[in-house]
Structure formats: C-alpha cells, structure tokens
Amino acid sequence: MTLSPDTIALIAVLVVGYVTAVGLGTVAYFANEKNY
C-alpha cells in the first residue's frame, strides 16, 4: 500500500488534532479538579 503525500498530510493533521484535543482535555480536567 503506497501512501500519497496528500494522504500522509491528512493523517498528520488528524494525529496532531487528536493529540492536541487529548492534551487540552487533560489540562481542562485537572484545572476543574483543582477548582472543586
């Protein structure tokens, strides 16, 4: 299976977006824990 540059770029964007969402979610979770 050969990946085209467009496919690689799409996967990269999805991975970066996923990691960013998890990171922000973790930060928000701990911030809420400290407030309550």
PDB file of N, CA and C in Angstrom:
ATOM      1  N   MET A   1       0.853  -1.198   0.000  1.00  0.00           N
ATOM      2  CA  MET A   1       0.000   0.000   0.000  1.00  0.00           C
ATOM      3  C   MET A   1       0.890   1.251   0.000  1.00  0.00           C
ATOM      4  N   THR A   2       0.739   2.044  -1.038  1.00  0.00           N
ATOM      5  CA  THR A   2       1.547   3.255  -1.155  1.00  0.00           C
ATOM      6  C   THR A   2       0.736   4.470  -0.718  1.00  0.00           C
ATOM      7  N   LEU A   3       1.319   5.267   0.172  1.00  0.00           N
ATOM      8  CA  LEU A   3       0.627   6.466   0.648  1.00  0.00           C
ATOM      9  C   LEU A   3       1.050   7.673  -0.168  1.00  0.00           C
ATOM     10  N   SER A   4       0.065   8.407  -0.633  1.00  0.00           N
ATOM     11  CA  SER A   4       0.374   9.618  -1.393  1.00  0.00           C
ATOM     12  C   SER A   4       0.668  10.748  -0.411  1.00  0.00           C
ATOM     13  N   PRO A   5       1.370  11.776  -0.855  1.00  0.00           N
ATOM     14  CA  PRO A   5       1.671  12.922   0.031  1.00  0.00           C
ATOM     15  C   PRO A   5       0.418  13.512   0.657  1.00  0.00           C
ATOM     16  N   ASP A   6      -0.672  13.551  -0.113  1.00  0.00           N
ATOM     17  CA  ASP A   6      -1.925  14.105   0.421  1.00  0.00           C
ATOM     18  C   ASP A   6      -2.440  13.247   1.572  1.00  0.00           C
ATOM     19  N   THR A   7      -2.347  11.928   1.407  1.00  0.00           N
ATOM     20  CA  THR A   7      -2.811  11.027   2.460  1.00  0.00           C
ATOM     21  C   THR A   7      -1.967  11.185   3.711  1.00  0.00           C
ATOM     22  N   ILE A   8      -0.658  11.285   3.530  1.00  0.00           N
ATOM     23  CA  ILE A   8       0.248  11.462   4.667  1.00  0.00           C
ATOM     24  C   ILE A   8      -0.067  12.766   5.392  1.00  0.00           C
ATOM     25  N   ALA A   9      -0.323  13.826   4.630  1.00  0.00           N
ATOM     26  CA  ALA A   9      -0.637  15.124   5.227  1.00  0.00           C
ATOM     27  C   ALA A   9      -1.944  15.032   6.015  1.00  0.00           C
ATOM     28  N   LEU A  10      -2.935  14.344   5.454  1.00  0.00           N
ATOM     29  CA  LEU A  10      -4.230  14.209   6.120  1.00  0.00           C
ATOM     30  C   LEU A  10      -4.069  13.455   7.437  1.00  0.00           C
ATOM     31  N   ILE A  11      -3.321  12.350   7.399  1.00  0.00           N
ATOM     32  CA  ILE A  11      -3.090  11.565   8.608  1.00  0.00           C
ATOM     33  C   ILE A  11      -2.354  12.404   9.650  1.00  0.00           C
ATOM     34  N   ALA A  12      -1.368  13.175   9.203  1.00  0.00           N
ATOM     35  CA  ALA A  12      -0.599  14.010  10.124  1.00  0.00           C
ATOM     36  C   ALA A  12      -1.507  15.022  10.813  1.00  0.00           C
ATOM     37  N   VAL A  13      -2.402  15.635  10.047  1.00  0.00           N
ATOM     38  CA  VAL A  13      -3.329  16.625  10.616  1.00  0.00           C
ATOM     39  C   VAL A  13      -4.253  15.962  11.633  1.00  0.00           C
ATOM     40  N   LEU A  14      -4.753  14.770  11.304  1.00  0.00           N
ATOM     41  CA  LEU A  14      -5.646  14.066  12.217  1.00  0.00           C
ATOM     42  C   LEU A  14      -4.920  13.706  13.510  1.00  0.00           C
ATOM     43  N   VAL A  15      -3.687  13.220  13.383  1.00  0.00           N
ATOM     44  CA  VAL A  15      -2.915  12.827  14.568  1.00  0.00           C
ATOM     45  C   VAL A  15      -2.623  14.040  15.444  1.00  0.00           C
ATOM     46  N   VAL A  16      -2.183  15.136  14.818  1.00  0.00           N
ATOM     47  CA  VAL A  16      -1.877  16.358  15.575  1.00  0.00           C
ATOM     48  C   VAL A  16      -3.138  16.877  16.262  1.00  0.00           C
ATOM     49  N   GLY A  17      -4.251  16.867  15.548  1.00  0.00           N
ATOM     50  CA  GLY A  17      -5.510  17.334  16.122  1.00  0.00           C
ATOM     51  C   GLY A  17      -5.938  16.468  17.296  1.00  0.00           C
ATOM     52  N   TYR A  18      -5.757  15.140  17.145  1.00  0.00           N
ATOM     53  CA  TYR A  18      -6.139  14.217  18.212  1.00  0.00           C
ATOM     54  C   TYR A  18      -5.288  14.442  19.455  1.00  0.00           C
ATOM     55  N   VAL A  19      -3.976  14.543  19.250  1.00  0.00           N
ATOM     56  CA  VAL A  19      -3.059  14.755  20.378  1.00  0.00           C
ATOM     57  C   VAL A  19      -3.362  16.081  21.072  1.00  0.00           C
ATOM     58  N   THR A  20      -3.648  17.116  20.274  1.00  0.00           N
ATOM     59  CA  THR A  20      -3.959  18.429  20.846  1.00  0.00           C
ATOM     60  C   THR A  20      -5.246  18.363  21.670  1.00  0.00           C
ATOM     61  N   ALA A  21      -6.254  17.672  21.146  1.00  0.00           N
ATOM     62  CA  ALA A  21      -7.527  17.555  21.851  1.00  0.00           C
ATOM     63  C   ALA A  21      -7.337  16.814  23.171  1.00  0.00           C
ATOM     64  N   VAL A  22      -6.565  15.730  23.145  1.00  0.00           N
ATOM     65  CA  VAL A  22      -6.320  14.961  24.371  1.00  0.00           C
ATOM     66  C   VAL A  22      -5.556  15.812  25.379  1.00  0.00           C
ATOM     67  N   GLY A  23      -4.568  16.560  24.894  1.00  0.00           N
ATOM     68  CA  GLY A  23      -3.775  17.414  25.780  1.00  0.00           C
ATOM     69  C   GLY A  23      -4.634  18.486  26.433  1.00  0.00           C
ATOM     70  N   LEU A  24      -5.459  19.147  25.628  1.00  0.00           N
ATOM     71  CA  LEU A  24      -6.322  20.205  26.173  1.00  0.00           C
ATOM     72  C   LEU A  24      -7.346  19.610  27.133  1.00  0.00           C
ATOM     73  N   GLY A  25      -7.870  18.437  26.798  1.00  0.00           N
ATOM     74  CA  GLY A  25      -8.845  17.781  27.657  1.00  0.00           C
ATOM     75  C   GLY A  25      -8.238  17.433  29.007  1.00  0.00           C
ATOM     76  N   THR A  26      -6.995  16.951  28.978  1.00  0.00           N
ATOM     77  CA  THR A  26      -6.306  16.594  30.225  1.00  0.00           C
ATOM     78  C   THR A  26      -6.074  17.829  31.081  1.00  0.00           C
ATOM     79  N   VAL A  27      -5.626  18.914  30.455  1.00  0.00           N
ATOM     80  CA  VAL A  27      -5.379  20.164  31.181  1.00  0.00           C
ATOM     81  C   VAL A  27      -6.680  20.686  31.784  1.00  0.00           C
ATOM     82  N   ALA A  28      -7.756  20.664  30.997  1.00  0.00           N
ATOM     83  CA  ALA A  28      -9.047  21.154  31.482  1.00  0.00           C
ATOM     84  C   ALA A  28      -9.540  20.289  32.639  1.00  0.00           C
ATOM     85  N   TYR A  29      -9.314  18.971  32.541  1.00  0.00           N
ATOM     86  CA  TYR A  29      -9.760  18.065  33.600  1.00  0.00           C
ATOM     87  C   TYR A  29      -9.070  18.390  34.921  1.00  0.00           C
ATOM     88  N   PHE A  30      -7.740  18.526  34.877  1.00  0.00           N
ATOM     89  CA  PHE A  30      -7.002  18.821  36.105  1.00  0.00           C
ATOM     90  C   PHE A  30      -7.344  20.208  36.628  1.00  0.00           C
ATOM     91  N   ALA A  31      -7.599  21.163  35.742  1.00  0.00           N
ATOM     92  CA  ALA A  31      -7.965  22.513  36.170  1.00  0.00           C
ATOM     93  C   ALA A  31      -9.297  22.463  36.920  1.00  0.00           C
ATOM     94  N   ASN A  32     -10.238  21.664  36.410  1.00  0.00           N
ATOM     95  CA  ASN A  32     -11.536  21.548  37.067  1.00  0.00           C
ATOM     96  C   ASN A  32     -11.400  20.842  38.412  1.00  0.00           C
ATOM     97  N   GLU A  33     -10.533  19.847  38.482  1.00  0.00           N
ATOM     98  CA  GLU A  33     -10.327  19.129  39.738  1.00  0.00           C
ATOM     99  C   GLU A  33      -9.803  20.073  40.816  1.00  0.00           C
ATOM    100  N   LYS A  34      -8.923  20.982  40.446  1.00  0.00           N
ATOM    101  CA  LYS A  34      -8.349  21.913  41.415  1.00  0.00           C
ATOM    102  C   LYS A  34      -9.398  22.931  41.876  1.00  0.00           C
ATOM    103  N   ASN A  35     -10.308  23.319  40.988  1.00  0.00           N
ATOM    104  CA  ASN A  35     -11.315  24.321  41.343  1.00  0.00           C
ATOM    105  C   ASN A  35     -12.337  23.751  42.321  1.00  0.00           C
ATOM    106  N   TYR A  36     -12.634  22.463  42.196  1.00  0.00           N
ATOM    107  CA  TYR A  36     -13.611  21.880  43.105  1.00  0.00           C
ATOM    108  C   TYR A  36     -12.883  21.016  44.112  1.00  0.00           C
TER     109      TYR A  36
END
